[in-house]
């Protein structure tokens, strides 16, 4: 199974939606809460300057935020990534 990391904050509705989508797929993921400024800075560097949450990585590939992963799923591209 793929290694999935998702950077979130507790009150972000898009974070909840992304986690829900991954849960519906039966995917296990590591959640990194970025309330600490150093964690958010690490996320920003890793996500090519993107500061918004969620930021999602599958096998170290940057997928993007919720809109990005939802679009990937609609195109049929998410399931093959999760199955790796």
N, C-alpha and C. Protein backbone atom coordinates (compact mmCIF):
# COMPACT_ATOMS: atom_id res chain seq x y z
N UNK A 1 0.85 -1.19 0.00
CA UNK A 1 0.00 0.00 0.00
C UNK A 1 0.89 1.24 0.00
N UNK A 2 0.39 2.29 -0.58
CA UNK A 2 1.13 3.54 -0.70
C UNK A 2 1.32 4.22 0.65
N UNK A 3 2.41 4.96 0.76
CA UNK A 3 2.65 5.78 1.95
C UNK A 3 1.99 7.14 1.70
N UNK A 4 1.03 7.49 2.56
CA UNK A 4 0.27 8.73 2.40
C UNK A 4 0.50 9.61 3.61
N UNK A 5 0.82 10.87 3.35
CA UNK A 5 0.97 11.87 4.40
C UNK A 5 0.06 13.04 4.07
N UNK A 6 -0.65 13.53 5.07
CA UNK A 6 -1.54 14.66 4.87
C UNK A 6 -1.31 15.67 5.98
N UNK A 7 -0.99 16.88 5.57
CA UNK A 7 -0.78 17.99 6.51
C UNK A 7 -2.12 18.69 6.71
N UNK A 8 -2.50 18.90 7.97
CA UNK A 8 -3.83 19.42 8.29
C UNK A 8 -3.79 20.41 9.44
N UNK A 9 -4.95 21.04 9.66
CA UNK A 9 -5.26 21.74 10.91
C UNK A 9 -6.60 21.18 11.39
N UNK A 10 -6.86 21.26 12.70
CA UNK A 10 -8.06 20.62 13.25
C UNK A 10 -9.39 21.16 12.73
N UNK A 11 -9.47 22.43 12.39
CA UNK A 11 -10.76 23.02 12.03
C UNK A 11 -10.97 23.20 10.53
N UNK A 12 -10.06 22.72 9.72
CA UNK A 12 -10.12 22.92 8.27
C UNK A 12 -11.13 21.97 7.63
N UNK A 13 -12.20 22.50 7.00
CA UNK A 13 -13.19 21.62 6.37
C UNK A 13 -12.62 20.85 5.18
N UNK A 14 -11.68 21.44 4.46
CA UNK A 14 -11.07 20.73 3.33
C UNK A 14 -10.19 19.58 3.81
N UNK A 15 -9.57 19.76 4.96
CA UNK A 15 -8.79 18.66 5.56
C UNK A 15 -9.71 17.50 5.91
N UNK A 16 -10.84 17.82 6.51
CA UNK A 16 -11.81 16.77 6.87
C UNK A 16 -12.32 16.07 5.61
N UNK A 17 -12.56 16.82 4.55
CA UNK A 17 -13.05 16.22 3.30
C UNK A 17 -11.99 15.31 2.68
N UNK A 18 -10.74 15.73 2.70
CA UNK A 18 -9.66 14.91 2.14
C UNK A 18 -9.48 13.63 2.95
N UNK A 19 -9.52 13.74 4.27
CA UNK A 19 -9.40 12.55 5.11
C UNK A 19 -10.58 11.62 4.89
N UNK A 20 -11.77 12.17 4.71
CA UNK A 20 -12.95 11.36 4.46
C UNK A 20 -12.82 10.61 3.14
N UNK A 21 -12.33 11.28 2.11
CA UNK A 21 -12.13 10.62 0.81
C UNK A 21 -11.13 9.47 0.95
N UNK A 22 -10.03 9.72 1.64
CA UNK A 22 -9.04 8.66 1.83
C UNK A 22 -9.61 7.51 2.66
N UNK A 23 -10.39 7.84 3.69
CA UNK A 23 -11.02 6.80 4.51
C UNK A 23 -11.99 5.96 3.69
N UNK A 24 -12.77 6.62 2.80
CA UNK A 24 -13.70 5.90 1.93
C UNK A 24 -12.96 4.91 1.03
N UNK A 25 -11.74 5.26 0.66
CA UNK A 25 -10.92 4.39 -0.19
C UNK A 25 -10.24 3.30 0.62
N UNK A 26 -10.36 3.36 1.94
CA UNK A 26 -9.70 2.38 2.79
C UNK A 26 -8.21 2.61 2.93
N UNK A 27 -7.77 3.82 2.64
CA UNK A 27 -6.35 4.15 2.67
C UNK A 27 -5.92 4.57 4.08
N UNK A 28 -4.79 4.07 4.49
CA UNK A 28 -4.20 4.50 5.76
C UNK A 28 -3.27 5.67 5.47
N UNK A 29 -3.26 6.64 6.37
CA UNK A 29 -2.42 7.81 6.16
C UNK A 29 -1.88 8.32 7.48
N UNK A 30 -0.76 9.03 7.38
CA UNK A 30 -0.18 9.72 8.52
C UNK A 30 -0.64 11.17 8.45
N UNK A 31 -1.24 11.64 9.53
CA UNK A 31 -1.71 13.03 9.60
C UNK A 31 -0.71 13.86 10.39
N UNK A 32 -0.31 14.97 9.81
CA UNK A 32 0.62 15.88 10.46
C UNK A 32 -0.11 17.20 10.67
N UNK A 33 -0.39 17.52 11.92
CA UNK A 33 -1.09 18.76 12.25
C UNK A 33 -0.07 19.89 12.31
N UNK A 34 -0.34 20.96 11.57
CA UNK A 34 0.66 22.03 11.40
C UNK A 34 0.34 23.28 12.22
N UNK A 35 -0.10 23.10 13.45
CA UNK A 35 -0.33 24.26 14.31
C UNK A 35 0.99 24.87 14.74
N UNK A 36 2.02 24.07 14.84
CA UNK A 36 3.36 24.56 15.17
C UNK A 36 3.96 25.24 13.94
N UNK A 37 4.44 26.48 14.07
CA UNK A 37 4.98 27.20 12.90
C UNK A 37 6.12 26.46 12.19
N UNK A 38 6.92 25.71 12.93
CA UNK A 38 8.03 24.99 12.28
C UNK A 38 7.50 23.85 11.40
N UNK A 39 6.41 23.21 11.83
CA UNK A 39 5.81 22.16 11.00
C UNK A 39 5.16 22.74 9.75
N UNK A 40 4.53 23.91 9.90
CA UNK A 40 3.92 24.55 8.72
C UNK A 40 5.01 24.98 7.74
N UNK A 41 6.12 25.47 8.25
CA UNK A 41 7.22 25.87 7.37
C UNK A 41 7.79 24.66 6.63
N UNK A 42 7.93 23.54 7.33
CA UNK A 42 8.41 22.32 6.68
C UNK A 42 7.43 21.87 5.59
N UNK A 43 6.13 21.97 5.88
CA UNK A 43 5.11 21.62 4.89
C UNK A 43 5.23 22.54 3.68
N UNK A 44 5.37 23.84 3.93
CA UNK A 44 5.44 24.82 2.85
C UNK A 44 6.64 24.55 1.94
N UNK A 45 7.77 24.24 2.53
CA UNK A 45 8.95 23.93 1.72
C UNK A 45 8.72 22.68 0.89
N UNK A 46 8.15 21.68 1.51
CA UNK A 46 7.92 20.41 0.82
C UNK A 46 6.88 20.55 -0.28
N UNK A 47 5.90 21.45 -0.07
CA UNK A 47 4.79 21.63 -1.02
C UNK A 47 5.05 22.75 -2.02
N UNK A 48 6.31 23.03 -2.27
CA UNK A 48 6.68 24.04 -3.28
C UNK A 48 6.06 25.40 -3.03
N UNK A 49 6.05 25.81 -1.75
CA UNK A 49 5.57 27.14 -1.40
C UNK A 49 4.10 27.23 -1.05
N UNK A 50 3.37 26.18 -1.21
CA UNK A 50 1.94 26.22 -0.87
C UNK A 50 1.78 26.19 0.64
N UNK A 51 1.01 27.15 1.18
CA UNK A 51 0.86 27.29 2.62
C UNK A 51 -0.50 26.83 3.14
N UNK A 52 -1.41 26.54 2.24
CA UNK A 52 -2.76 26.15 2.66
C UNK A 52 -2.80 24.67 3.02
N UNK A 53 -3.76 24.31 3.83
CA UNK A 53 -3.98 22.91 4.16
C UNK A 53 -5.30 22.46 3.57
N UNK A 54 -5.44 21.20 3.27
CA UNK A 54 -4.44 20.16 3.42
C UNK A 54 -3.41 20.19 2.30
N UNK A 55 -2.27 19.59 2.56
CA UNK A 55 -1.29 19.27 1.53
C UNK A 55 -1.08 17.76 1.64
N UNK A 56 -1.22 17.09 0.51
CA UNK A 56 -1.25 15.63 0.49
C UNK A 56 -0.09 15.10 -0.34
N UNK A 57 0.58 14.09 0.20
CA UNK A 57 1.69 13.43 -0.48
C UNK A 57 1.41 11.93 -0.52
N UNK A 58 1.61 11.34 -1.68
CA UNK A 58 1.49 9.89 -1.82
C UNK A 58 2.83 9.39 -2.34
N UNK A 59 3.46 8.52 -1.55
CA UNK A 59 4.81 8.03 -1.87
C UNK A 59 5.75 9.19 -2.21
N UNK A 60 5.71 10.20 -1.38
CA UNK A 60 6.56 11.40 -1.49
C UNK A 60 6.25 12.28 -2.70
N UNK A 61 5.26 11.93 -3.51
CA UNK A 61 4.84 12.79 -4.63
C UNK A 61 3.79 13.76 -4.11
N UNK A 62 3.97 15.05 -4.39
CA UNK A 62 3.02 16.06 -3.95
C UNK A 62 1.78 16.00 -4.82
N UNK A 63 0.64 15.69 -4.20
CA UNK A 63 -0.64 15.62 -4.90
C UNK A 63 -1.30 16.99 -4.90
N UNK A 64 -1.18 17.73 -3.79
CA UNK A 64 -1.79 19.04 -3.66
C UNK A 64 -2.79 19.03 -2.52
N UNK A 65 -3.84 19.84 -2.68
CA UNK A 65 -4.86 19.96 -1.66
C UNK A 65 -6.08 19.10 -1.96
N UNK A 66 -7.17 19.41 -1.26
CA UNK A 66 -8.39 18.61 -1.43
C UNK A 66 -8.90 18.67 -2.87
N UNK A 67 -8.98 19.86 -3.44
CA UNK A 67 -9.49 19.97 -4.82
C UNK A 67 -8.66 19.12 -5.77
N UNK A 68 -7.35 19.10 -5.55
CA UNK A 68 -6.46 18.33 -6.42
C UNK A 68 -6.70 16.82 -6.29
N UNK A 69 -6.82 16.33 -5.04
CA UNK A 69 -7.01 14.89 -4.86
C UNK A 69 -8.41 14.46 -5.32
N UNK A 70 -9.40 15.33 -5.14
CA UNK A 70 -10.76 15.03 -5.60
C UNK A 70 -10.80 14.96 -7.13
N UNK A 71 -10.11 15.89 -7.80
CA UNK A 71 -10.05 15.87 -9.26
C UNK A 71 -9.31 14.63 -9.76
N UNK A 72 -8.24 14.28 -9.08
CA UNK A 72 -7.49 13.07 -9.43
C UNK A 72 -8.38 11.84 -9.32
N UNK A 73 -9.19 11.79 -8.26
CA UNK A 73 -10.11 10.68 -8.08
C UNK A 73 -11.15 10.64 -9.19
N UNK A 74 -11.71 11.79 -9.56
CA UNK A 74 -12.72 11.84 -10.63
C UNK A 74 -12.15 11.36 -11.96
N UNK A 75 -10.86 11.61 -12.19
CA UNK A 75 -10.21 11.18 -13.44
C UNK A 75 -9.80 9.71 -13.38
N UNK A 76 -9.99 9.08 -12.23
CA UNK A 76 -9.60 7.67 -12.10
C UNK A 76 -8.12 7.48 -11.79
N UNK A 77 -7.44 8.53 -11.39
CA UNK A 77 -6.01 8.43 -11.14
C UNK A 77 -5.63 8.16 -9.70
N UNK A 78 -6.57 8.27 -8.78
CA UNK A 78 -6.23 8.10 -7.36
C UNK A 78 -6.07 6.63 -6.98
N UNK A 79 -6.99 5.79 -7.40
CA UNK A 79 -6.94 4.37 -7.01
C UNK A 79 -5.63 3.70 -7.40
N UNK A 80 -5.10 3.93 -8.63
CA UNK A 80 -3.81 3.30 -8.96
C UNK A 80 -2.67 3.78 -8.04
N UNK A 81 -2.69 5.04 -7.64
CA UNK A 81 -1.65 5.54 -6.73
C UNK A 81 -1.75 4.88 -5.37
N UNK A 82 -2.98 4.70 -4.90
CA UNK A 82 -3.19 4.10 -3.58
C UNK A 82 -2.82 2.62 -3.58
N UNK A 83 -2.92 1.97 -4.72
CA UNK A 83 -2.66 0.53 -4.80
C UNK A 83 -1.17 0.20 -4.88
N UNK A 84 -0.33 1.19 -5.09
CA UNK A 84 1.11 0.94 -5.23
C UNK A 84 1.68 0.36 -3.97
